[in-house]
C-alpha atoms as a PDB file:
ATOM      1  CA  UNK A   1      -9.147  -2.112   2.431  1.00  0.00           C
ATOM      2  CA  UNK A   2      -8.590  -2.334  -1.331  1.00  0.00           C
ATOM      3  CA  UNK A   3      -5.480  -3.647  -3.048  1.00  0.00           C
ATOM      4  CA  UNK A   4      -4.780  -1.133  -5.821  1.00  0.00           C
ATOM      5  CA  UNK A   5      -1.706  -2.873  -7.271  1.00  0.00           C
ATOM      6  CA  UNK A   6       0.366  -5.999  -6.658  1.00  0.00           C
ATOM      7  CA  UNK A   7       3.800  -6.827  -8.065  1.00  0.00           C
ATOM      8  CA  UNK A   8       6.088  -9.830  -7.746  1.00  0.00           C
ATOM      9  CA  UNK A   9       9.698 -10.075  -8.845  1.00  0.00           C
ATOM     10  CA  UNK A  10      11.854 -12.957  -7.689  1.00  0.00           C
ATOM     11  CA  UNK A  11      11.691 -13.168  -3.902  1.00  0.00           C
ATOM     12  CA  UNK A  12       9.902  -9.813  -3.550  1.00  0.00           C
ATOM     13  CA  UNK A  13       6.166  -9.101  -3.487  1.00  0.00           C
ATOM     14  CA  UNK A  14       4.813  -5.550  -3.253  1.00  0.00           C
ATOM     15  CA  UNK A  15       1.248  -4.413  -2.511  1.00  0.00           C
ATOM     16  CA  UNK A  16      -0.181  -0.895  -2.864  1.00  0.00           C
ATOM     17  CA  UNK A  17      -3.224  -0.690  -0.593  1.00  0.00           C
ATOM     18  CA  UNK A  18      -5.921   1.905   0.125  1.00  0.00           C
ATOM     19  CA  UNK A  19      -7.227   1.609   3.678  1.00  0.00           C
ATOM     20  CA  UNK A  20     -10.223   3.587   4.965  1.00  0.00           C
ATOM     21  CA  UNK A  21     -10.717   3.546   8.742  1.00  0.00           C
ATOM     22  CA  UNK A  22     -14.231   5.029   8.950  1.00  0.00           C
ATOM     23  CA  UNK A  23     -16.890   6.650   6.777  1.00  0.00           C
ATOM     24  CA  UNK A  24     -15.766  10.014   5.429  1.00  0.00           C
ATOM     25  CA  UNK A  25     -12.079   9.258   6.005  1.00  0.00           C
ATOM     26  CA  UNK A  26      -9.923   9.749   2.863  1.00  0.00           C
ATOM     27  CA  UNK A  27      -7.809   6.922   4.235  1.00  0.00           C
ATOM     28  CA  UNK A  28      -4.188   5.914   3.953  1.00  0.00           C
ATOM     29  CA  UNK A  29      -1.978   4.826   1.088  1.00  0.00           C
ATOM     30  CA  UNK A  30       0.085   1.824   2.208  1.00  0.00           C
ATOM     31  CA  UNK A  31       2.978   0.041   0.509  1.00  0.00           C
ATOM     32  CA  UNK A  32       3.830  -3.404   1.878  1.00  0.00           C
ATOM     33  CA  UNK A  33       7.022  -5.053   0.662  1.00  0.00           C
ATOM     34  CA  UNK A  34       7.753  -8.689   1.476  1.00  0.00           C
ATOM     35  CA  UNK A  35      10.898 -10.735   0.873  1.00  0.00           C
ATOM     36  CA  UNK A  36      10.163 -14.434   0.746  1.00  0.00           C
ATOM     37  CA  UNK A  37      12.554 -17.317   1.391  1.00  0.00           C
ATOM     38  CA  UNK A  38      11.683 -21.030   1.467  1.00  0.00           C
ATOM     39  CA  UNK A  39       7.966 -20.164   1.194  1.00  0.00           C
ATOM     40  CA  UNK A  40       8.039 -17.909   4.275  1.00  0.00           C
ATOM     41  CA  UNK A  41       8.147 -14.159   4.813  1.00  0.00           C
ATOM     42  CA  UNK A  42      11.702 -13.363   5.890  1.00  0.00           C
ATOM     43  CA  UNK A  43      11.544  -9.559   5.760  1.00  0.00           C
ATOM     44  CA  UNK A  44       8.710  -7.021   5.692  1.00  0.00           C
ATOM     45  CA  UNK A  45       8.747  -3.262   5.133  1.00  0.00           C
ATOM     46  CA  UNK A  46       5.758  -0.943   5.283  1.00  0.00           C
ATOM     47  CA  UNK A  47       5.335   2.688   4.229  1.00  0.00           C
ATOM     48  CA  UNK A  48       2.234   4.673   5.256  1.00  0.00           C
ATOM     49  CA  UNK A  49       0.931   7.986   3.928  1.00  0.00           C
ATOM     50  CA  UNK A  50      -2.162   9.783   5.173  1.00  0.00           C
ATOM     51  CA  UNK A  51      -4.249  10.872   2.190  1.00  0.00           C
ATOM     52  CA  UNK A  52      -4.991  14.597   2.476  1.00  0.00           C
ATOM     53  CA  UNK A  53      -8.554  15.812   2.039  1.00  0.00           C
ATOM     54  CA  UNK A  54      -7.395  18.161  -0.745  1.00  0.00           C
ATOM     55  CA  UNK A  55      -4.583  17.666  -3.230  1.00  0.00           C
ATOM     56  CA  UNK A  56      -2.664  20.350  -5.156  1.00  0.00           C
ATOM     57  CA  UNK A  57      -3.483  18.507  -8.419  1.00  0.00           C
ATOM     58  CA  UNK A  58      -6.288  16.471 -10.033  1.00  0.00           C
ATOM     59  CA  UNK A  59      -4.300  13.224 -10.389  1.00  0.00           C
ATOM     60  CA  UNK A  60      -5.451  11.600  -7.134  1.00  0.00           C
ATOM     61  CA  UNK A  61      -3.322   9.210  -5.117  1.00  0.00           C
ATOM     62  CA  UNK A  62      -4.200   5.984  -6.924  1.00  0.00           C
END
C-alpha cells in the first residue's frame, strides 16, 4: 500500500491510496474520505477502482 496523496480541510481528511494485492497485480486505486468530530471518525466513505492492465492513454492512474 502506498499513500499517493493526502488532503485535510476542516473536519474532512482524504487519502488517495495505491494498493497491490500480489506481485504482478496492477492493483487498485482507493479513495478514503473521513469526517472527524471530537477527535473521532464519525463518517467514512470509500471508493475503489481496479487499475486496468492497459490504459487508453499514457497518463497513468496516479
